[in-house]
Amino acid sequence: MQDWSLRRDELDHWLQQQQSQQLVFVRYSSRHNVNFEWVYNRADLMHAHVIWARDLGVEHDQLLLKMLADRTAWILDADNLDPQLVPYSDASTPVGPPSPETRGTPEEDSQQ
C-alpha cells in the first residue's frame, strides 16, 4: 500500500456507516514505521462511533471489550500490504470494504 492513510480513511468511512458503534484493535509488526499511525480518535472518545485502539494482547484487550461491550470489535494488521478488518472473534475472514485491487465499478458495487 503506497499511502496507508488512504486505506485508513476508507476503512474509517465504512465503519462510520455501520449501524452499531465500532471498536478497532490495531496490530503493528516489529517493523512498523512509527510515522504511519492508525490509532487516533475524535476528542469525545466515549461518544465516537468508531474507536481505534492498539492491540495490547488478549488480556488487555478484554478489559476494553468489557467496557465497550455494545460495540462491534475488529482486528486490523496495519503493516500488511493490504490491511483488512477482521472480526475480533475470527481472525481468518476479512470483511469491510474491498481492497482497491478487488473493487468493482460503482455500478457493480451498488448491485450487491
C-alpha atoms as a PDB file:
ATOM      1  CA  MET A   1       0.000   0.000   0.000  1.00  0.00           C
ATOM      2  CA  GLN A   2       1.639   3.203  -1.138  1.00  0.00           C
ATOM      3  CA  ASP A   3      -0.413   5.556   1.019  1.00  0.00           C
ATOM      4  CA  TRP A   4      -1.615   3.858   4.194  1.00  0.00           C
ATOM      5  CA  SER A   5      -3.650   6.938   5.202  1.00  0.00           C
ATOM      6  CA  LEU A   6      -5.994   6.484   2.224  1.00  0.00           C
ATOM      7  CA  ARG A   7      -6.728   2.907   3.323  1.00  0.00           C
ATOM      8  CA  ARG A   8      -7.306   4.040   6.913  1.00  0.00           C
ATOM      9  CA  ASP A   9      -9.700   6.722   5.706  1.00  0.00           C
ATOM     10  CA  GLU A  10     -11.546   4.220   3.517  1.00  0.00           C
ATOM     11  CA  LEU A  11     -11.952   1.766   6.409  1.00  0.00           C
ATOM     12  CA  ASP A  12     -12.973   4.533   8.823  1.00  0.00           C
ATOM     13  CA  HIS A  13     -15.591   5.755   6.348  1.00  0.00           C
ATOM     14  CA  TRP A  14     -17.024   2.234   6.039  1.00  0.00           C
ATOM     15  CA  LEU A  15     -17.064   1.806   9.831  1.00  0.00           C
ATOM     16  CA  GLN A  16     -18.821   5.159  10.282  1.00  0.00           C
ATOM     17  CA  GLN A  17     -21.631   3.906   8.035  1.00  0.00           C
ATOM     18  CA  GLN A  18     -22.339   0.809  10.142  1.00  0.00           C
ATOM     19  CA  GLN A  19     -25.371   0.912  12.437  1.00  0.00           C
ATOM     20  CA  SER A  20     -23.662  -0.239  15.612  1.00  0.00           C
ATOM     21  CA  GLN A  21     -20.727   1.502  17.248  1.00  0.00           C
ATOM     22  CA  GLN A  22     -17.326   0.087  16.323  1.00  0.00           C
ATOM     23  CA  LEU A  23     -14.041  -0.750  18.062  1.00  0.00           C
ATOM     24  CA  VAL A  24     -10.891  -1.484  16.046  1.00  0.00           C
ATOM     25  CA  PHE A  25      -7.808  -3.061  17.621  1.00  0.00           C
ATOM     26  CA  VAL A  26      -4.752  -2.238  15.519  1.00  0.00           C
ATOM     27  CA  ARG A  27      -1.785  -4.600  15.459  1.00  0.00           C
ATOM     28  CA  TYR A  28       1.638  -3.338  14.462  1.00  0.00           C
ATOM     29  CA  SER A  29       4.543  -5.541  13.399  1.00  0.00           C
ATOM     30  CA  SER A  30       8.056  -5.191  14.788  1.00  0.00           C
ATOM     31  CA  ARG A  31       8.985  -3.414  11.534  1.00  0.00           C
ATOM     32  CA  HIS A  32       6.237  -0.794  11.904  1.00  0.00           C
ATOM     33  CA  ASN A  33       7.077   2.745  10.784  1.00  0.00           C
ATOM     34  CA  VAL A  34       6.002   4.965  13.689  1.00  0.00           C
ATOM     35  CA  ASN A  35       5.093   7.739  11.249  1.00  0.00           C
ATOM     36  CA  PHE A  36       2.230   5.577   9.924  1.00  0.00           C
ATOM     37  CA  GLU A  37      -0.103   5.865  12.904  1.00  0.00           C
ATOM     38  CA  TRP A  38      -3.524   4.265  12.548  1.00  0.00           C
ATOM     39  CA  VAL A  39      -4.689   4.842  16.126  1.00  0.00           C
ATOM     40  CA  TYR A  40      -6.177   8.275  16.570  1.00  0.00           C
ATOM     41  CA  ASN A  41      -9.672   9.218  17.630  1.00  0.00           C
ATOM     42  CA  ARG A  42     -12.165  12.025  17.967  1.00  0.00           C
ATOM     43  CA  ALA A  43     -11.905  14.250  21.032  1.00  0.00           C
ATOM     44  CA  ASP A  44     -15.100  12.884  22.621  1.00  0.00           C
ATOM     45  CA  LEU A  45     -13.829   9.317  22.681  1.00  0.00           C
ATOM     46  CA  MET A  46     -16.672   7.612  24.541  1.00  0.00           C
ATOM     47  CA  HIS A  47     -19.283   9.082  22.174  1.00  0.00           C
ATOM     48  CA  ALA A  48     -17.334   8.431  18.978  1.00  0.00           C
ATOM     49  CA  HIS A  49     -18.974   5.977  16.594  1.00  0.00           C
ATOM     50  CA  VAL A  50     -15.576   4.383  15.908  1.00  0.00           C
ATOM     51  CA  ILE A  51     -12.793   3.921  18.447  1.00  0.00           C
ATOM     52  CA  TRP A  52      -9.319   2.919  17.279  1.00  0.00           C
ATOM     53  CA  ALA A  53      -7.110   1.200  19.894  1.00  0.00           C
ATOM     54  CA  ARG A  54      -3.759  -0.553  19.940  1.00  0.00           C
ATOM     55  CA  ASP A  55      -3.908  -4.316  20.280  1.00  0.00           C
ATOM     56  CA  LEU A  56      -2.163  -4.992  23.584  1.00  0.00           C
ATOM     57  CA  GLY A  57      -2.847  -8.705  23.724  1.00  0.00           C
ATOM     58  CA  VAL A  58      -5.913 -10.683  24.718  1.00  0.00           C
ATOM     59  CA  GLU A  59      -5.774  -9.915  28.454  1.00  0.00           C
ATOM     60  CA  HIS A  60      -5.634  -6.136  27.987  1.00  0.00           C
ATOM     61  CA  ASP A  61      -7.992  -6.146  25.011  1.00  0.00           C
ATOM     62  CA  GLN A  62     -10.615  -7.960  27.096  1.00  0.00           C
ATOM     63  CA  LEU A  63     -10.711  -5.071  29.567  1.00  0.00           C
ATOM     64  CA  LEU A  64     -11.620  -2.658  26.774  1.00  0.00           C
ATOM     65  CA  LEU A  65     -14.048  -5.145  25.221  1.00  0.00           C
ATOM     66  CA  LYS A  66     -15.896  -5.427  28.560  1.00  0.00           C
ATOM     67  CA  MET A  67     -16.022  -1.647  28.975  1.00  0.00           C
ATOM     68  CA  LEU A  68     -17.320  -1.214  25.403  1.00  0.00           C
ATOM     69  CA  ALA A  69     -19.401  -4.378  25.160  1.00  0.00           C
ATOM     70  CA  ASP A  70     -22.031  -2.758  22.908  1.00  0.00           C
ATOM     71  CA  ARG A  71     -19.516  -2.222  20.098  1.00  0.00           C
ATOM     72  CA  THR A  72     -18.629  -4.448  17.170  1.00  0.00           C
ATOM     73  CA  ALA A  73     -14.946  -5.337  17.605  1.00  0.00           C
ATOM     74  CA  TRP A  74     -12.370  -5.756  14.847  1.00  0.00           C
ATOM     75  CA  ILE A  75      -8.671  -6.548  14.442  1.00  0.00           C
ATOM     76  CA  LEU A  76      -6.572  -4.834  11.810  1.00  0.00           C
ATOM     77  CA  ASP A  77      -2.979  -5.773  10.977  1.00  0.00           C
ATOM     78  CA  ALA A  78      -1.775  -2.331   9.957  1.00  0.00           C
ATOM     79  CA  ASP A  79       1.515  -3.445   8.463  1.00  0.00           C
ATOM     80  CA  ASN A  80       0.038  -5.920   5.994  1.00  0.00           C
ATOM     81  CA  LEU A  81       0.320  -4.886   2.350  1.00  0.00           C
ATOM     82  CA  ASP A  82      -3.480  -4.684   2.186  1.00  0.00           C
ATOM     83  CA  PRO A  83      -4.834  -4.111   5.722  1.00  0.00           C
ATOM     84  CA  GLN A  84      -8.288  -5.656   6.232  1.00  0.00           C
ATOM     85  CA  LEU A  85     -10.824  -5.526   9.050  1.00  0.00           C
ATOM     86  CA  VAL A  86     -11.296  -8.928  10.649  1.00  0.00           C
ATOM     87  CA  PRO A  87     -13.923  -9.637  13.324  1.00  0.00           C
ATOM     88  CA  TYR A  88     -12.171  -9.768  16.686  1.00  0.00           C
ATOM     89  CA  SER A  89     -13.582 -13.225  17.345  1.00  0.00           C
ATOM     90  CA  ASP A  90     -12.441 -14.593  13.959  1.00  0.00           C
ATOM     91  CA  ALA A  91      -9.027 -13.641  12.631  1.00  0.00           C
ATOM     92  CA  SER A  92      -9.413 -15.664   9.427  1.00  0.00           C
ATOM     93  CA  THR A  93     -12.005 -13.844   7.287  1.00  0.00           C
ATOM     94  CA  PRO A  94     -11.529 -10.181   6.276  1.00  0.00           C
ATOM     95  CA  VAL A  95     -14.662  -8.082   5.927  1.00  0.00           C
ATOM     96  CA  GLY A  96     -15.476  -4.477   5.219  1.00  0.00           C
ATOM     97  CA  PRO A  97     -14.865  -2.568   2.024  1.00  0.00           C
ATOM     98  CA  PRO A  98     -12.946  -4.497  -0.614  1.00  0.00           C
ATOM     99  CA  SER A  99      -9.352  -3.563  -1.253  1.00  0.00           C
ATOM    100  CA  PRO A 100      -8.770  -1.218  -4.204  1.00  0.00           C
ATOM    101  CA  GLU A 101      -7.351  -4.066  -6.300  1.00  0.00           C
ATOM    102  CA  THR A 102     -10.525  -6.183  -5.981  1.00  0.00           C
ATOM    103  CA  ARG A 103     -13.158  -3.465  -6.050  1.00  0.00           C
ATOM    104  CA  GLY A 104     -15.661  -3.475  -8.888  1.00  0.00           C
ATOM    105  CA  THR A 105     -17.106  -0.463 -10.596  1.00  0.00           C
ATOM    106  CA  PRO A 106     -19.542   1.724  -8.608  1.00  0.00           C
ATOM    107  CA  GLU A 107     -22.339   0.189 -10.639  1.00  0.00           C
ATOM    108  CA  GLU A 108     -21.276  -3.328  -9.660  1.00  0.00           C
ATOM    109  CA  ASP A 109     -20.941  -2.298  -6.006  1.00  0.00           C
ATOM    110  CA  SER A 110     -24.461  -0.811  -5.957  1.00  0.00           C
ATOM    111  CA  GLN A 111     -25.947  -4.060  -7.286  1.00  0.00           C
ATOM    112  CA  GLN A 112     -24.605  -6.059  -4.351  1.00  0.00           C
END
